[in-house]
Amino acid sequence: MPEVLVSLFVVFVLAMLIGFEVITKVPPTLHTPLMSGSNAISGITIIGALIVAGRGDTTLTSILGLLAVIFAMINVVGGFLVTDRMLQMFRRRPGEDK
């Protein structure tokens, strides 16, 4: 079992490093469209994390599942807040000419 945990941890760390490199290379004009895709992926992550946390095989998997749910929810809520702020920039204010 420890070998599997170590290999999964290595994959996780590599995924974080690759994700960081990919995101830092994205031009600022593409951040908002990518945010909606990121929200969809985080929604899938939330479902998977709920399944892992709900199984309760070990205390470690329950804690990691709970942390995954929390971090994915932070990402989704932050994405919606940023998207809402961006959309407010394009709304007409009361009293403006059309």
C-alpha atoms as a PDB file:
ATOM      1  CA  MET A   1       0.000   0.000   0.000  1.00  0.00           C
ATOM      2  CA  PRO A   2       2.729   2.616   0.744  1.00  0.00           C
ATOM      3  CA  GLU A   3       4.211   2.199  -2.761  1.00  0.00           C
ATOM      4  CA  VAL A   4       0.834   3.019  -4.284  1.00  0.00           C
ATOM      5  CA  LEU A   5       0.453   6.082  -2.081  1.00  0.00           C
ATOM      6  CA  VAL A   6       3.930   7.319  -3.008  1.00  0.00           C
ATOM      7  CA  SER A   7       3.315   6.830  -6.723  1.00  0.00           C
ATOM      8  CA  LEU A   8      -0.041   8.626  -6.514  1.00  0.00           C
ATOM      9  CA  PHE A   9       1.628  11.476  -4.623  1.00  0.00           C
ATOM     10  CA  VAL A  10       4.307  11.745  -7.322  1.00  0.00           C
ATOM     11  CA  VAL A  11       1.611  11.937 -10.014  1.00  0.00           C
ATOM     12  CA  PHE A  12      -0.195  14.602  -7.983  1.00  0.00           C
ATOM     13  CA  VAL A  13       2.932  16.742  -7.608  1.00  0.00           C
ATOM     14  CA  LEU A  14       3.778  16.408 -11.306  1.00  0.00           C
ATOM     15  CA  ALA A  15       0.217  17.398 -12.230  1.00  0.00           C
ATOM     16  CA  MET A  16       0.504  20.490 -10.023  1.00  0.00           C
ATOM     17  CA  LEU A  17       3.793  21.519 -11.616  1.00  0.00           C
ATOM     18  CA  ILE A  18       2.534  20.981 -15.164  1.00  0.00           C
ATOM     19  CA  GLY A  19      -0.726  22.807 -14.383  1.00  0.00           C
ATOM     20  CA  PHE A  20       1.170  25.762 -12.949  1.00  0.00           C
ATOM     21  CA  GLU A  21       3.402  25.960 -16.020  1.00  0.00           C
ATOM     22  CA  VAL A  22       0.440  25.783 -18.399  1.00  0.00           C
ATOM     23  CA  ILE A  23      -1.597  28.432 -16.552  1.00  0.00           C
ATOM     24  CA  THR A  24       1.297  30.896 -16.322  1.00  0.00           C
ATOM     25  CA  LYS A  25       1.709  30.737 -20.117  1.00  0.00           C
ATOM     26  CA  VAL A  26      -1.920  31.752 -20.815  1.00  0.00           C
ATOM     27  CA  PRO A  27      -2.327  35.370 -21.995  1.00  0.00           C
ATOM     28  CA  PRO A  28      -4.576  37.562 -19.795  1.00  0.00           C
ATOM     29  CA  THR A  29      -7.239  37.878 -22.521  1.00  0.00           C
ATOM     30  CA  LEU A  30      -7.967  34.159 -22.294  1.00  0.00           C
ATOM     31  CA  HIS A  31      -8.293  33.903 -18.507  1.00  0.00           C
ATOM     32  CA  THR A  32     -12.065  34.496 -18.375  1.00  0.00           C
ATOM     33  CA  PRO A  33     -13.016  31.858 -20.988  1.00  0.00           C
ATOM     34  CA  LEU A  34     -10.700  29.380 -19.296  1.00  0.00           C
ATOM     35  CA  MET A  35     -12.318  30.150 -15.940  1.00  0.00           C
ATOM     36  CA  SER A  36     -15.631  28.665 -17.076  1.00  0.00           C
ATOM     37  CA  GLY A  37     -13.852  25.506 -18.198  1.00  0.00           C
ATOM     38  CA  SER A  38     -12.029  25.385 -14.897  1.00  0.00           C
ATOM     39  CA  ASN A  39     -15.350  25.635 -13.047  1.00  0.00           C
ATOM     40  CA  ALA A  40     -16.675  22.648 -14.982  1.00  0.00           C
ATOM     41  CA  ILE A  41     -13.588  20.606 -14.157  1.00  0.00           C
ATOM     42  CA  SER A  42     -13.821  21.640 -10.501  1.00  0.00           C
ATOM     43  CA  GLY A  43     -17.428  20.460 -10.468  1.00  0.00           C
ATOM     44  CA  ILE A  44     -16.259  17.033 -11.573  1.00  0.00           C
ATOM     45  CA  THR A  45     -13.542  17.172  -8.910  1.00  0.00           C
ATOM     46  CA  ILE A  46     -16.155  17.925  -6.255  1.00  0.00           C
ATOM     47  CA  ILE A  47     -18.192  14.861  -7.242  1.00  0.00           C
ATOM     48  CA  GLY A  48     -15.129  12.620  -7.168  1.00  0.00           C
ATOM     49  CA  ALA A  49     -13.975  14.045  -3.847  1.00  0.00           C
ATOM     50  CA  LEU A  50     -17.417  13.526  -2.318  1.00  0.00           C
ATOM     51  CA  ILE A  51     -17.322   9.902  -3.410  1.00  0.00           C
ATOM     52  CA  VAL A  52     -13.856   9.402  -1.913  1.00  0.00           C
ATOM     53  CA  ALA A  53     -14.717  11.198   1.324  1.00  0.00           C
ATOM     54  CA  GLY A  54     -18.043   9.382   1.626  1.00  0.00           C
ATOM     55  CA  ARG A  55     -16.593   5.899   1.319  1.00  0.00           C
ATOM     56  CA  GLY A  56     -14.632   6.370   4.521  1.00  0.00           C
ATOM     57  CA  ASP A  57     -12.184   3.534   3.862  1.00  0.00           C
ATOM     58  CA  THR A  58      -9.553   5.137   6.065  1.00  0.00           C
ATOM     59  CA  THR A  59      -9.257   8.348   7.998  1.00  0.00           C
ATOM     60  CA  LEU A  60      -6.598   9.578   5.547  1.00  0.00           C
ATOM     61  CA  THR A  61      -8.862   9.171   2.513  1.00  0.00           C
ATOM     62  CA  SER A  62     -11.728  10.894   4.319  1.00  0.00           C
ATOM     63  CA  ILE A  63      -9.506  13.846   5.248  1.00  0.00           C
ATOM     64  CA  LEU A  64      -8.010  14.113   1.746  1.00  0.00           C
ATOM     65  CA  GLY A  65     -11.481  13.860   0.214  1.00  0.00           C
ATOM     66  CA  LEU A  66     -12.746  16.613   2.488  1.00  0.00           C
ATOM     67  CA  LEU A  67      -9.774  18.830   1.611  1.00  0.00           C
ATOM     68  CA  ALA A  68     -10.383  18.195  -2.089  1.00  0.00           C
ATOM     69  CA  VAL A  69     -14.032  19.217  -1.684  1.00  0.00           C
ATOM     70  CA  ILE A  70     -13.049  22.400   0.159  1.00  0.00           C
ATOM     71  CA  PHE A  71     -10.397  23.452  -2.376  1.00  0.00           C
ATOM     72  CA  ALA A  72     -12.604  22.673  -5.365  1.00  0.00           C
ATOM     73  CA  MET A  73     -15.479  24.648  -3.842  1.00  0.00           C
ATOM     74  CA  ILE A  74     -13.170  27.619  -3.263  1.00  0.00           C
ATOM     75  CA  ASN A  75     -12.200  27.427  -6.939  1.00  0.00           C
ATOM     76  CA  VAL A  76     -15.818  27.236  -8.137  1.00  0.00           C
ATOM     77  CA  VAL A  77     -17.054  30.075  -5.927  1.00  0.00           C
ATOM     78  CA  GLY A  78     -14.062  32.242  -6.852  1.00  0.00           C
ATOM     79  CA  GLY A  79     -14.657  31.532 -10.529  1.00  0.00           C
ATOM     80  CA  PHE A  80     -18.295  32.577 -10.286  1.00  0.00           C
ATOM     81  CA  LEU A  81     -17.365  35.756  -8.409  1.00  0.00           C
ATOM     82  CA  VAL A  82     -14.772  36.707 -11.021  1.00  0.00           C
ATOM     83  CA  THR A  83     -17.177  35.934 -13.870  1.00  0.00           C
ATOM     84  CA  ASP A  84     -19.916  38.012 -12.233  1.00  0.00           C
ATOM     85  CA  ARG A  85     -17.512  40.912 -11.779  1.00  0.00           C
ATOM     86  CA  MET A  86     -16.471  40.694 -15.426  1.00  0.00           C
ATOM     87  CA  LEU A  87     -20.112  40.676 -16.550  1.00  0.00           C
ATOM     88  CA  GLN A  88     -20.878  43.728 -14.399  1.00  0.00           C
ATOM     89  CA  MET A  89     -18.264  45.649 -16.383  1.00  0.00           C
ATOM     90  CA  PHE A  90     -20.401  45.238 -19.509  1.00  0.00           C
ATOM     91  CA  ARG A  91     -23.770  46.144 -17.964  1.00  0.00           C
ATOM     92  CA  ARG A  92     -25.258  49.546 -18.617  1.00  0.00           C
ATOM     93  CA  ARG A  93     -25.688  51.747 -15.598  1.00  0.00           C
ATOM     94  CA  PRO A  94     -29.088  53.394 -14.986  1.00  0.00           C
ATOM     95  CA  GLY A  95     -29.261  56.750 -16.706  1.00  0.00           C
ATOM     96  CA  GLU A  96     -26.623  55.997 -19.373  1.00  0.00           C
ATOM     97  CA  ASP A  97     -27.395  56.764 -22.995  1.00  0.00           C
ATOM     98  CA  LYS A  98     -28.051  53.819 -25.222  1.00  0.00           C
END
